[in-house]
All heavy atoms as atom14 arrays in JSON, in Angstrom:
{
  "sequence": "ELVATIPSLGSIVYADSVKGRFTISRDNAKNTVYLQMNSLKPEDTAVY",
  "atom14_mask": [
    [1, 1, 1, 1, 1, 1, 1, 1, 1, 0, 0, 0, 0, 0],
    [1, 1, 1, 1, 1, 1, 1, 1, 0, 0, 0, 0, 0, 0],
    [1, 1, 1, 1, 1, 1, 1, 0, 0, 0, 0, 0, 0, 0],
    [1, 1, 1, 1, 1, 0, 0, 0, 0, 0, 0, 0, 0, 0],
    [1, 1, 1, 1, 1, 1, 1, 0, 0, 0, 0, 0, 0, 0],
    [1, 1, 1, 1, 1, 1, 1, 1, 0, 0, 0, 0, 0, 0],
    [1, 1, 1, 1, 1, 1, 1, 0, 0, 0, 0, 0, 0, 0],
    [1, 1, 1, 1, 1, 1, 0, 0, 0, 0, 0, 0, 0, 0],
    [1, 1, 1, 1, 1, 1, 1, 1, 0, 0, 0, 0, 0, 0],
    [1, 1, 1, 1, 0, 0, 0, 0, 0, 0, 0, 0, 0, 0],
    [1, 1, 1, 1, 1, 1, 0, 0, 0, 0, 0, 0, 0, 0],
    [1, 1, 1, 1, 1, 1, 1, 1, 0, 0, 0, 0, 0, 0],
    [1, 1, 1, 1, 1, 1, 1, 0, 0, 0, 0, 0, 0, 0],
    [1, 1, 1, 1, 1, 1, 1, 1, 1, 1, 1, 1, 0, 0],
    [1, 1, 1, 1, 1, 0, 0, 0, 0, 0, 0, 0, 0, 0],
    [1, 1, 1, 1, 1, 1, 1, 1, 0, 0, 0, 0, 0, 0],
    [1, 1, 1, 1, 1, 1, 0, 0, 0, 0, 0, 0, 0, 0],
    [1, 1, 1, 1, 1, 1, 1, 0, 0, 0, 0, 0, 0, 0],
    [1, 1, 1, 1, 1, 1, 1, 1, 1, 0, 0, 0, 0, 0],
    [1, 1, 1, 1, 0, 0, 0, 0, 0, 0, 0, 0, 0, 0],
    [1, 1, 1, 1, 1, 1, 1, 1, 1, 1, 1, 0, 0, 0],
    [1, 1, 1, 1, 1, 1, 1, 1, 1, 1, 1, 0, 0, 0],
    [1, 1, 1, 1, 1, 1, 1, 0, 0, 0, 0, 0, 0, 0],
    [1, 1, 1, 1, 1, 1, 1, 1, 0, 0, 0, 0, 0, 0],
    [1, 1, 1, 1, 1, 1, 0, 0, 0, 0, 0, 0, 0, 0],
    [1, 1, 1, 1, 1, 1, 1, 1, 1, 1, 1, 0, 0, 0],
    [1, 1, 1, 1, 1, 1, 1, 1, 0, 0, 0, 0, 0, 0],
    [1, 1, 1, 1, 1, 1, 1, 1, 0, 0, 0, 0, 0, 0],
    [1, 1, 1, 1, 1, 0, 0, 0, 0, 0, 0, 0, 0, 0],
    [1, 1, 1, 1, 1, 1, 1, 1, 1, 0, 0, 0, 0, 0],
    [1, 1, 1, 1, 1, 1, 1, 1, 0, 0, 0, 0, 0, 0],
    [1, 1, 1, 1, 1, 1, 1, 0, 0, 0, 0, 0, 0, 0],
    [1, 1, 1, 1, 1, 1, 1, 0, 0, 0, 0, 0, 0, 0],
    [1, 1, 1, 1, 1, 1, 1, 1, 1, 1, 1, 1, 0, 0],
    [1, 1, 1, 1, 1, 1, 1, 1, 0, 0, 0, 0, 0, 0],
    [1, 1, 1, 1, 1, 1, 1, 1, 1, 0, 0, 0, 0, 0],
    [1, 1, 1, 1, 1, 1, 1, 1, 0, 0, 0, 0, 0, 0],
    [1, 1, 1, 1, 1, 1, 1, 1, 0, 0, 0, 0, 0, 0],
    [1, 1, 1, 1, 1, 1, 0, 0, 0, 0, 0, 0, 0, 0],
    [1, 1, 1, 1, 1, 1, 1, 1, 0, 0, 0, 0, 0, 0],
    [1, 1, 1, 1, 1, 1, 1, 1, 1, 0, 0, 0, 0, 0],
    [1, 1, 1, 1, 1, 1, 1, 0, 0, 0, 0, 0, 0, 0],
    [1, 1, 1, 1, 1, 1, 1, 1, 1, 0, 0, 0, 0, 0],
    [1, 1, 1, 1, 1, 1, 1, 1, 0, 0, 0, 0, 0, 0],
    [1, 1, 1, 1, 1, 1, 1, 0, 0, 0, 0, 0, 0, 0],
    [1, 1, 1, 1, 1, 0, 0, 0, 0, 0, 0, 0, 0, 0],
    [1, 1, 1, 1, 1, 1, 1, 0, 0, 0, 0, 0, 0, 0],
    [1, 1, 1, 1, 1, 1, 1, 1, 1, 1, 1, 1, 0, 0]
  ],
  "atom14_positions": [
    [[12.05, 3.01, 0.18], [11.25, 3.38, -0.98], [9.77, 3.41, -0.63], [9.3, 2.64, 0.22], [11.49, 2.41, -2.14], [11.08, 0.98, -1.88], [11.18, 0.09, -3.11], [11.52, 0.59, -4.19], [10.91, -1.12, -2.98], [0.0, 0.0, 0.0], [0.0, 0.0, 0.0], [0.0, 0.0, 0.0], [0.0, 0.0, 0.0], [0.0, 0.0, 0.0]],
    [[9.06, 4.27, -1.32], [7.62, 4.37, -1.12], [6.93, 3.15, -1.72], [7.24, 2.74, -2.84], [7.09, 5.64, -1.79], [5.57, 5.82, -1.75], [5.09, 6.09, -0.33], [5.14, 6.95, -2.69], [0.0, 0.0, 0.0], [0.0, 0.0, 0.0], [0.0, 0.0, 0.0], [0.0, 0.0, 0.0], [0.0, 0.0, 0.0], [0.0, 0.0, 0.0]],
    [[6.0, 2.59, -0.97], [5.19, 1.49, -1.48], [3.83, 2.02, -1.93], [3.39, 1.78, -3.04], [5.0, 0.4, -0.41], [4.07, -0.69, -0.92], [6.36, -0.18, 0.0], [0.0, 0.0, 0.0], [0.0, 0.0, 0.0], [0.0, 0.0, 0.0], [0.0, 0.0, 0.0], [0.0, 0.0, 0.0], [0.0, 0.0, 0.0], [0.0, 0.0, 0.0]],
    [[3.15, 2.72, -1.02], [1.83, 3.26, -1.35], [1.47, 4.35, -0.36], [1.91, 4.3, 0.8], [0.76, 2.17, -1.32], [0.0, 0.0, 0.0], [0.0, 0.0, 0.0], [0.0, 0.0, 0.0], [0.0, 0.0, 0.0], [0.0, 0.0, 0.0], [0.0, 0.0, 0.0], [0.0, 0.0, 0.0], [0.0, 0.0, 0.0], [0.0, 0.0, 0.0]],
    [[0.7, 5.3, -0.81], [0.29, 6.39, 0.05], [-1.19, 6.66, -0.15], [-1.7, 6.55, -1.27], [1.13, 7.65, -0.23], [0.72, 8.69, 0.66], [1.0, 8.13, -1.65], [0.0, 0.0, 0.0], [0.0, 0.0, 0.0], [0.0, 0.0, 0.0], [0.0, 0.0, 0.0], [0.0, 0.0, 0.0], [0.0, 0.0, 0.0], [0.0, 0.0, 0.0]],
    [[-1.87, 7.0, 0.94], [-3.31, 7.26, 0.88], [-3.61, 8.51, 1.7], [-3.49, 8.52, 2.92], [-4.12, 6.03, 1.36], [-5.62, 6.29, 1.22], [-3.73, 5.6, 2.76], [-6.46, 5.0, 1.37], [0.0, 0.0, 0.0], [0.0, 0.0, 0.0], [0.0, 0.0, 0.0], [0.0, 0.0, 0.0], [0.0, 0.0, 0.0], [0.0, 0.0, 0.0]],
    [[-3.99, 9.58, 1.02], [-4.32, 10.81, 1.73], [-5.76, 10.78, 2.23], [-6.57, 9.96, 1.77], [-4.12, 11.87, 0.67], [-4.43, 11.17, -0.61], [-4.02, 9.74, -0.43], [0.0, 0.0, 0.0], [0.0, 0.0, 0.0], [0.0, 0.0, 0.0], [0.0, 0.0, 0.0], [0.0, 0.0, 0.0], [0.0, 0.0, 0.0], [0.0, 0.0, 0.0]],
    [[-6.08, 11.68, 3.15], [-7.46, 11.78, 3.59], [-8.34, 12.33, 2.46], [-9.51, 11.97, 2.34], [-7.56, 12.66, 4.83], [-7.0, 13.93, 4.57], [0.0, 0.0, 0.0], [0.0, 0.0, 0.0], [0.0, 0.0, 0.0], [0.0, 0.0, 0.0], [0.0, 0.0, 0.0], [0.0, 0.0, 0.0], [0.0, 0.0, 0.0], [0.0, 0.0, 0.0]],
    [[-7.74, 13.17, 1.64], [-8.4, 13.67, 0.43], [-7.42, 13.54, -0.7], [-6.27, 13.94, -0.59], [-8.8, 15.14, 0.6], [-9.87, 15.45, 1.65], [-10.01, 16.96, 1.82], [-11.2, 14.83, 1.24], [0.0, 0.0, 0.0], [0.0, 0.0, 0.0], [0.0, 0.0, 0.0], [0.0, 0.0, 0.0], [0.0, 0.0, 0.0], [0.0, 0.0, 0.0]],
    [[-7.87, 13.01, -1.82], [-6.97, 12.89, -2.96], [-6.78, 11.47, -3.41], [-7.47, 10.55, -2.96], [0.0, 0.0, 0.0], [0.0, 0.0, 0.0], [0.0, 0.0, 0.0], [0.0, 0.0, 0.0], [0.0, 0.0, 0.0], [0.0, 0.0, 0.0], [0.0, 0.0, 0.0], [0.0, 0.0, 0.0], [0.0, 0.0, 0.0], [0.0, 0.0, 0.0]],
    [[-5.83, 11.29, -4.3], [-5.65, 10.0, -4.96], [-4.62, 9.13, -4.25], [-3.63, 9.61, -3.72], [-5.2, 10.22, -6.41], [-6.15, 10.98, -7.11], [0.0, 0.0, 0.0], [0.0, 0.0, 0.0], [0.0, 0.0, 0.0], [0.0, 0.0, 0.0], [0.0, 0.0, 0.0], [0.0, 0.0, 0.0], [0.0, 0.0, 0.0], [0.0, 0.0, 0.0]],
    [[-4.84, 7.85, -4.31], [-3.88, 6.86, -3.82], [-2.76, 6.74, -4.85], [-2.99, 6.81, -6.07], [-4.59, 5.51, -3.64], [-5.57, 5.58, -2.46], [-3.57, 4.39, -3.42], [-6.46, 4.36, -2.34], [0.0, 0.0, 0.0], [0.0, 0.0, 0.0], [0.0, 0.0, 0.0], [0.0, 0.0, 0.0], [0.0, 0.0, 0.0], [0.0, 0.0, 0.0]],
    [[-1.56, 6.57, -4.35], [-0.4, 6.41, -5.21], [0.3, 5.1, -4.85], [0.5, 4.8, -3.67], [0.58, 7.59, -5.06], [1.85, 7.34, -5.87], [-0.08, 8.88, -5.51], [0.0, 0.0, 0.0], [0.0, 0.0, 0.0], [0.0, 0.0, 0.0], [0.0, 0.0, 0.0], [0.0, 0.0, 0.0], [0.0, 0.0, 0.0], [0.0, 0.0, 0.0]],
    [[0.67, 4.33, -5.87], [1.41, 3.09, -5.68], [2.74, 3.16, -6.41], [2.85, 3.78, -7.48], [0.64, 1.89, -6.25], [-0.62, 1.54, -5.52], [-1.86, 1.94, -6.01], [-0.58, 0.77, -4.36], [-3.04, 1.6, -5.34], [-1.75, 0.43, -3.69], [-2.97, 0.84, -4.19], [-4.13, 0.5, -3.54], [0.0, 0.0, 0.0], [0.0, 0.0, 0.0]],
    [[3.73, 2.5, -5.85], [4.97, 2.3, -6.6], [4.68, 1.38, -7.78], [3.84, 0.48, -7.68], [6.03, 1.67, -5.69], [0.0, 0.0, 0.0], [0.0, 0.0, 0.0], [0.0, 0.0, 0.0], [0.0, 0.0, 0.0], [0.0, 0.0, 0.0], [0.0, 0.0, 0.0], [0.0, 0.0, 0.0], [0.0, 0.0, 0.0], [0.0, 0.0, 0.0]],
    [[5.37, 1.59, -8.87], [5.15, 0.77, -10.06], [5.36, -0.71, -9.76], [4.68, -1.57, -10.31], [6.09, 1.2, -11.19], [5.69, 2.53, -11.8], [4.53, 2.96, -11.6], [6.54, 3.15, -12.47], [0.0, 0.0, 0.0], [0.0, 0.0, 0.0], [0.0, 0.0, 0.0], [0.0, 0.0, 0.0], [0.0, 0.0, 0.0], [0.0, 0.0, 0.0]],
    [[6.3, -1.0, -8.87], [6.65, -2.39, -8.58], [5.55, -3.17, -7.87], [5.6, -4.4, -7.83], [7.93, -2.43, -7.76], [7.76, -1.71, -6.55], [0.0, 0.0, 0.0], [0.0, 0.0, 0.0], [0.0, 0.0, 0.0], [0.0, 0.0, 0.0], [0.0, 0.0, 0.0], [0.0, 0.0, 0.0], [0.0, 0.0, 0.0], [0.0, 0.0, 0.0]],
    [[4.57, -2.47, -7.3], [3.51, -3.16, -6.55], [2.13, -2.97, -7.16], [1.16, -3.57, -6.68], [3.49, -2.72, -5.07], [4.88, -2.88, -4.45], [2.98, -1.3, -4.91], [0.0, 0.0, 0.0], [0.0, 0.0, 0.0], [0.0, 0.0, 0.0], [0.0, 0.0, 0.0], [0.0, 0.0, 0.0], [0.0, 0.0, 0.0], [0.0, 0.0, 0.0]],
    [[2.03, -2.15, -8.19], [0.73, -1.91, -8.82], [0.11, -3.22, -9.29], [0.77, -4.06, -9.89], [0.89, -0.96, -10.01], [1.0, 0.5, -9.63], [1.14, 1.38, -10.88], [1.32, 2.83, -10.5], [1.55, 3.68, -11.69], [0.0, 0.0, 0.0], [0.0, 0.0, 0.0], [0.0, 0.0, 0.0], [0.0, 0.0, 0.0], [0.0, 0.0, 0.0]],
    [[-1.17, -3.38, -8.98], [-1.88, -4.59, -9.39], [-1.74, -5.74, -8.41], [-2.45, -6.74, -8.53], [0.0, 0.0, 0.0], [0.0, 0.0, 0.0], [0.0, 0.0, 0.0], [0.0, 0.0, 0.0], [0.0, 0.0, 0.0], [0.0, 0.0, 0.0], [0.0, 0.0, 0.0], [0.0, 0.0, 0.0], [0.0, 0.0, 0.0], [0.0, 0.0, 0.0]],
    [[-0.81, -5.61, -7.46], [-0.6, -6.69, -6.48], [-0.94, -6.24, -5.05], [-1.45, -7.02, -4.26], [0.85, -7.16, -6.52], [1.28, -7.71, -7.87], [2.67, -8.35, -7.77], [3.71, -7.4, -7.39], [4.5, -7.54, -6.32], [4.35, -8.59, -5.52], [5.43, -6.63, -6.05], [0.0, 0.0, 0.0], [0.0, 0.0, 0.0], [0.0, 0.0, 0.0]],
    [[-0.64, -4.98, -4.74], [-0.87, -4.46, -3.4], [-2.05, -3.49, -3.43], [-2.26, -2.79, -4.42], [0.35, -3.69, -2.91], [1.56, -4.54, -2.59], [1.64, -5.87, -2.97], [2.63, -3.98, -1.91], [2.75, -6.64, -2.68], [3.75, -4.73, -1.61], [3.82, -6.06, -2.0], [0.0, 0.0, 0.0], [0.0, 0.0, 0.0], [0.0, 0.0, 0.0]],
    [[-2.78, -3.47, -2.32], [-3.89, -2.53, -2.17], [-3.8, -1.86, -0.81], [-3.73, -2.54, 0.22], [-5.24, -3.25, -2.29], [-5.33, -3.91, -3.55], [-6.39, -2.25, -2.17], [0.0, 0.0, 0.0], [0.0, 0.0, 0.0], [0.0, 0.0, 0.0], [0.0, 0.0, 0.0], [0.0, 0.0, 0.0], [0.0, 0.0, 0.0], [0.0, 0.0, 0.0]],
    [[-3.8, -0.53, -0.82], [-3.79, 0.23, 0.42], [-5.21, 0.72, 0.69], [-5.93, 1.1, -0.24], [-2.79, 1.4, 0.36], [-2.6, 2.04, 1.73], [-3.21, 2.44, -0.68], [-1.45, 3.05, 1.79], [0.0, 0.0, 0.0], [0.0, 0.0, 0.0], [0.0, 0.0, 0.0], [0.0, 0.0, 0.0], [0.0, 0.0, 0.0], [0.0, 0.0, 0.0]],
    [[-5.61, 0.66, 1.95], [-6.93, 1.15, 2.33], [-6.84, 1.78, 3.71], [-5.84, 1.6, 4.41], [-7.97, 0.02, 2.32], [-7.6, -1.0, 3.23], [0.0, 0.0, 0.0], [0.0, 0.0, 0.0], [0.0, 0.0, 0.0], [0.0, 0.0, 0.0], [0.0, 0.0, 0.0], [0.0, 0.0, 0.0], [0.0, 0.0, 0.0], [0.0, 0.0, 0.0]],
    [[-7.88, 2.5, 4.07], [-7.79, 3.29, 5.3], [-9.14, 3.31, 5.99], [-10.18, 3.45, 5.35], [-7.35, 4.71, 4.92], [-7.21, 5.7, 6.04], [-6.55, 6.97, 5.53], [-6.52, 8.0, 6.55], [-5.86, 9.13, 6.44], [-5.16, 9.4, 5.35], [-5.88, 10.02, 7.41], [0.0, 0.0, 0.0], [0.0, 0.0, 0.0], [0.0, 0.0, 0.0]],
    [[-9.1, 3.16, 7.31], [-10.29, 3.3, 8.15], [-10.1, 4.58, 8.95], [-9.36, 4.6, 9.95], [-10.43, 2.07, 9.07], [-11.7, 2.12, 9.91], [-12.23, 3.22, 10.14], [-12.15, 1.06, 10.34], [0.0, 0.0, 0.0], [0.0, 0.0, 0.0], [0.0, 0.0, 0.0], [0.0, 0.0, 0.0], [0.0, 0.0, 0.0], [0.0, 0.0, 0.0]],
    [[-10.71, 5.65, 8.49], [-10.49, 6.95, 9.13], [-10.99, 6.98, 10.57], [-10.42, 7.69, 11.4], [-11.17, 8.05, 8.31], [-10.46, 8.29, 6.99], [-9.24, 8.2, 6.9], [-11.22, 8.6, 5.96], [0.0, 0.0, 0.0], [0.0, 0.0, 0.0], [0.0, 0.0, 0.0], [0.0, 0.0, 0.0], [0.0, 0.0, 0.0], [0.0, 0.0, 0.0]],
    [[-12.03, 6.25, 10.86], [-12.56, 6.25, 12.22], [-11.56, 5.66, 13.21], [-11.56, 6.02, 14.39], [-13.86, 5.46, 12.27], [0.0, 0.0, 0.0], [0.0, 0.0, 0.0], [0.0, 0.0, 0.0], [0.0, 0.0, 0.0], [0.0, 0.0, 0.0], [0.0, 0.0, 0.0], [0.0, 0.0, 0.0], [0.0, 0.0, 0.0], [0.0, 0.0, 0.0]],
    [[-10.7, 4.78, 12.71], [-9.71, 4.14, 13.58], [-8.3, 4.67, 13.34], [-7.35, 4.19, 13.99], [-9.71, 2.62, 13.32], [-11.02, 1.93, 13.65], [-10.93, 0.44, 13.35], [-12.22, -0.27, 13.66], [-12.16, -1.73, 13.34], [0.0, 0.0, 0.0], [0.0, 0.0, 0.0], [0.0, 0.0, 0.0], [0.0, 0.0, 0.0], [0.0, 0.0, 0.0]],
    [[-8.16, 5.63, 12.42], [-6.82, 6.12, 12.03], [-5.9, 4.94, 11.73], [-4.74, 4.91, 12.16], [-6.22, 7.01, 13.12], [-6.81, 8.41, 13.08], [-7.31, 8.86, 12.05], [-6.77, 9.11, 14.2], [0.0, 0.0, 0.0], [0.0, 0.0, 0.0], [0.0, 0.0, 0.0], [0.0, 0.0, 0.0], [0.0, 0.0, 0.0], [0.0, 0.0, 0.0]],
    [[-6.42, 4.01, 11.0], [-5.69, 2.79, 10.66], [-5.6, 2.64, 9.15], [-6.58, 2.9, 8.45], [-6.38, 1.56, 11.27], [-6.35, 1.68, 12.7], [-5.68, 0.27, 10.86], [0.0, 0.0, 0.0], [0.0, 0.0, 0.0], [0.0, 0.0, 0.0], [0.0, 0.0, 0.0], [0.0, 0.0, 0.0], [0.0, 0.0, 0.0], [0.0, 0.0, 0.0]],
    [[-4.43, 2.24, 8.69], [-4.22, 1.98, 7.27], [-3.8, 0.53, 7.12], [-3.12, -0.03, 7.98], [-3.17, 2.94, 6.68], [-1.8, 2.74, 7.32], [-3.08, 2.82, 5.17], [0.0, 0.0, 0.0], [0.0, 0.0, 0.0], [0.0, 0.0, 0.0], [0.0, 0.0, 0.0], [0.0, 0.0, 0.0], [0.0, 0.0, 0.0], [0.0, 0.0, 0.0]],
    [[-4.25, -0.07, 6.04], [-3.96, -1.47, 5.76], [-3.21, -1.58, 4.44], [-3.4, -0.76, 3.54], [-5.26, -2.28, 5.67], [-6.14, -2.15, 6.88], [-7.2, -1.24, 6.9], [-5.92, -2.93, 8.01], [-8.0, -1.1, 8.02], [-6.72, -2.81, 9.14], [-7.76, -1.89, 9.13], [-8.55, -1.76, 10.24], [0.0, 0.0, 0.0], [0.0, 0.0, 0.0]],
    [[-2.39, -2.6, 4.34], [-1.73, -2.9, 3.08], [-1.96, -4.37, 2.79], [-1.39, -5.23, 3.45], [-0.24, -2.59, 3.14], [0.51, -2.73, 1.83], [0.06, -1.64, 0.84], [2.03, -2.65, 2.03], [0.0, 0.0, 0.0], [0.0, 0.0, 0.0], [0.0, 0.0, 0.0], [0.0, 0.0, 0.0], [0.0, 0.0, 0.0], [0.0, 0.0, 0.0]],
    [[-2.83, -4.64, 1.83], [-3.07, -6.01, 1.4], [-2.08, -6.34, 0.3], [-2.06, -5.66, -0.74], [-4.5, -6.17, 0.89], [-4.82, -7.56, 0.36], [-4.78, -8.62, 1.44], [-5.28, -8.42, 2.54], [-4.18, -9.78, 1.11], [0.0, 0.0, 0.0], [0.0, 0.0, 0.0], [0.0, 0.0, 0.0], [0.0, 0.0, 0.0], [0.0, 0.0, 0.0]],
    [[-1.27, -7.35, 0.52], [-0.22, -7.7, -0.43], [-0.51, -9.09, -0.99], [-0.56, -10.06, -0.24], [1.15, -7.69, 0.27], [1.46, -6.37, 0.96], [3.12, -6.3, 1.68], [2.94, -7.49, 3.01], [0.0, 0.0, 0.0], [0.0, 0.0, 0.0], [0.0, 0.0, 0.0], [0.0, 0.0, 0.0], [0.0, 0.0, 0.0], [0.0, 0.0, 0.0]],
    [[-0.72, -9.15, -2.28], [-1.0, -10.41, -2.97], [0.11, -10.72, -3.96], [0.9, -9.83, -4.32], [-2.34, -10.33, -3.7], [-3.51, -10.11, -2.77], [-3.51, -10.57, -1.62], [-4.53, -9.41, -3.25], [0.0, 0.0, 0.0], [0.0, 0.0, 0.0], [0.0, 0.0, 0.0], [0.0, 0.0, 0.0], [0.0, 0.0, 0.0], [0.0, 0.0, 0.0]],
    [[0.17, -11.95, -4.4], [1.18, -12.38, -5.38], [2.57, -11.92, -4.97], [3.32, -11.35, -5.77], [0.83, -11.82, -6.77], [-0.45, -12.24, -7.18], [0.0, 0.0, 0.0], [0.0, 0.0, 0.0], [0.0, 0.0, 0.0], [0.0, 0.0, 0.0], [0.0, 0.0, 0.0], [0.0, 0.0, 0.0], [0.0, 0.0, 0.0], [0.0, 0.0, 0.0]],
    [[2.9, -12.17, -3.73], [4.19, -11.7, -3.2], [5.36, -12.36, -3.91], [5.3, -13.53, -4.32], [4.25, -11.95, -1.7], [3.47, -10.93, -0.86], [3.16, -11.47, 0.52], [4.24, -9.62, -0.76], [0.0, 0.0, 0.0], [0.0, 0.0, 0.0], [0.0, 0.0, 0.0], [0.0, 0.0, 0.0], [0.0, 0.0, 0.0], [0.0, 0.0, 0.0]],
    [[6.43, -11.59, -4.05], [7.64, -12.03, -4.71], [8.81, -11.94, -3.73], [8.77, -11.13, -2.8], [7.94, -11.14, -5.92], [6.82, -11.05, -6.93], [7.16, -10.05, -8.02], [6.05, -9.93, -9.05], [6.38, -8.95, -10.11], [0.0, 0.0, 0.0], [0.0, 0.0, 0.0], [0.0, 0.0, 0.0], [0.0, 0.0, 0.0], [0.0, 0.0, 0.0]],
    [[9.86, -12.71, -3.95], [11.03, -12.6, -3.05], [11.58, -11.17, -2.98], [12.06, -10.75, -1.92], [12.05, -13.55, -3.69], [11.19, -14.6, -4.35], [10.0, -13.84, -4.88], [0.0, 0.0, 0.0], [0.0, 0.0, 0.0], [0.0, 0.0, 0.0], [0.0, 0.0, 0.0], [0.0, 0.0, 0.0], [0.0, 0.0, 0.0], [0.0, 0.0, 0.0]],
    [[11.47, -10.42, -4.05], [11.97, -9.04, -4.03], [11.1, -8.1, -3.19], [11.46, -6.94, -3.0], [12.12, -8.49, -5.45], [10.9, -8.65, -6.34], [10.99, -9.87, -7.23], [11.41, -10.95, -6.74], [10.61, -9.76, -8.42], [0.0, 0.0, 0.0], [0.0, 0.0, 0.0], [0.0, 0.0, 0.0], [0.0, 0.0, 0.0], [0.0, 0.0, 0.0]],
    [[9.98, -8.58, -2.69], [9.17, -7.78, -1.76], [9.7, -7.9, -0.33], [9.2, -7.2, 0.56], [7.71, -8.24, -1.79], [7.03, -7.98, -3.12], [7.23, -6.88, -3.69], [6.28, -8.87, -3.59], [0.0, 0.0, 0.0], [0.0, 0.0, 0.0], [0.0, 0.0, 0.0], [0.0, 0.0, 0.0], [0.0, 0.0, 0.0], [0.0, 0.0, 0.0]],
    [[10.67, -8.76, -0.11], [11.25, -8.92, 1.22], [11.87, -7.61, 1.68], [12.7, -7.03, 0.98], [12.3, -10.03, 1.21], [11.66, -11.28, 0.94], [13.02, -10.1, 2.56], [0.0, 0.0, 0.0], [0.0, 0.0, 0.0], [0.0, 0.0, 0.0], [0.0, 0.0, 0.0], [0.0, 0.0, 0.0], [0.0, 0.0, 0.0], [0.0, 0.0, 0.0]],
    [[11.45, -7.14, 2.85], [11.93, -5.87, 3.38], [11.31, -5.63, 4.75], [10.39, -6.36, 5.16], [11.54, -4.72, 2.45], [0.0, 0.0, 0.0], [0.0, 0.0, 0.0], [0.0, 0.0, 0.0], [0.0, 0.0, 0.0], [0.0, 0.0, 0.0], [0.0, 0.0, 0.0], [0.0, 0.0, 0.0], [0.0, 0.0, 0.0], [0.0, 0.0, 0.0]],
    [[11.8, -4.61, 5.42], [11.1, -4.07, 6.58], [10.11, -3.04, 6.06], [10.48, -2.13, 5.31], [12.07, -3.42, 7.58], [11.29, -2.73, 8.7], [13.02, -4.46, 8.14], [0.0, 0.0, 0.0], [0.0, 0.0, 0.0], [0.0, 0.0, 0.0], [0.0, 0.0, 0.0], [0.0, 0.0, 0.0], [0.0, 0.0, 0.0], [0.0, 0.0, 0.0]],
    [[8.87, -3.22, 6.4], [7.81, -2.31, 5.97], [7.53, -1.32, 7.09], [7.25, -1.72, 8.23], [6.57, -3.09, 5.58], [6.7, -3.75, 4.23], [7.58, -4.81, 4.05], [5.99, -3.29, 3.13], [7.74, -5.4, 2.8], [6.13, -3.88, 1.88], [7.01, -4.93, 1.72], [7.18, -5.5, 0.48], [0.0, 0.0, 0.0], [0.0, 0.0, 0.0]]
  ]
}
């Protein structure tokens, strides 16, 4: 399932299940994306 997506241009999209808890961000200079996950729940257990 999709957790979050961040385009180079356009809007960030989050799954409803993670809205308000997870934050996706991107460092374009490093071609690196981060996923900050707060208030984690057992149902967040998965391979990301």
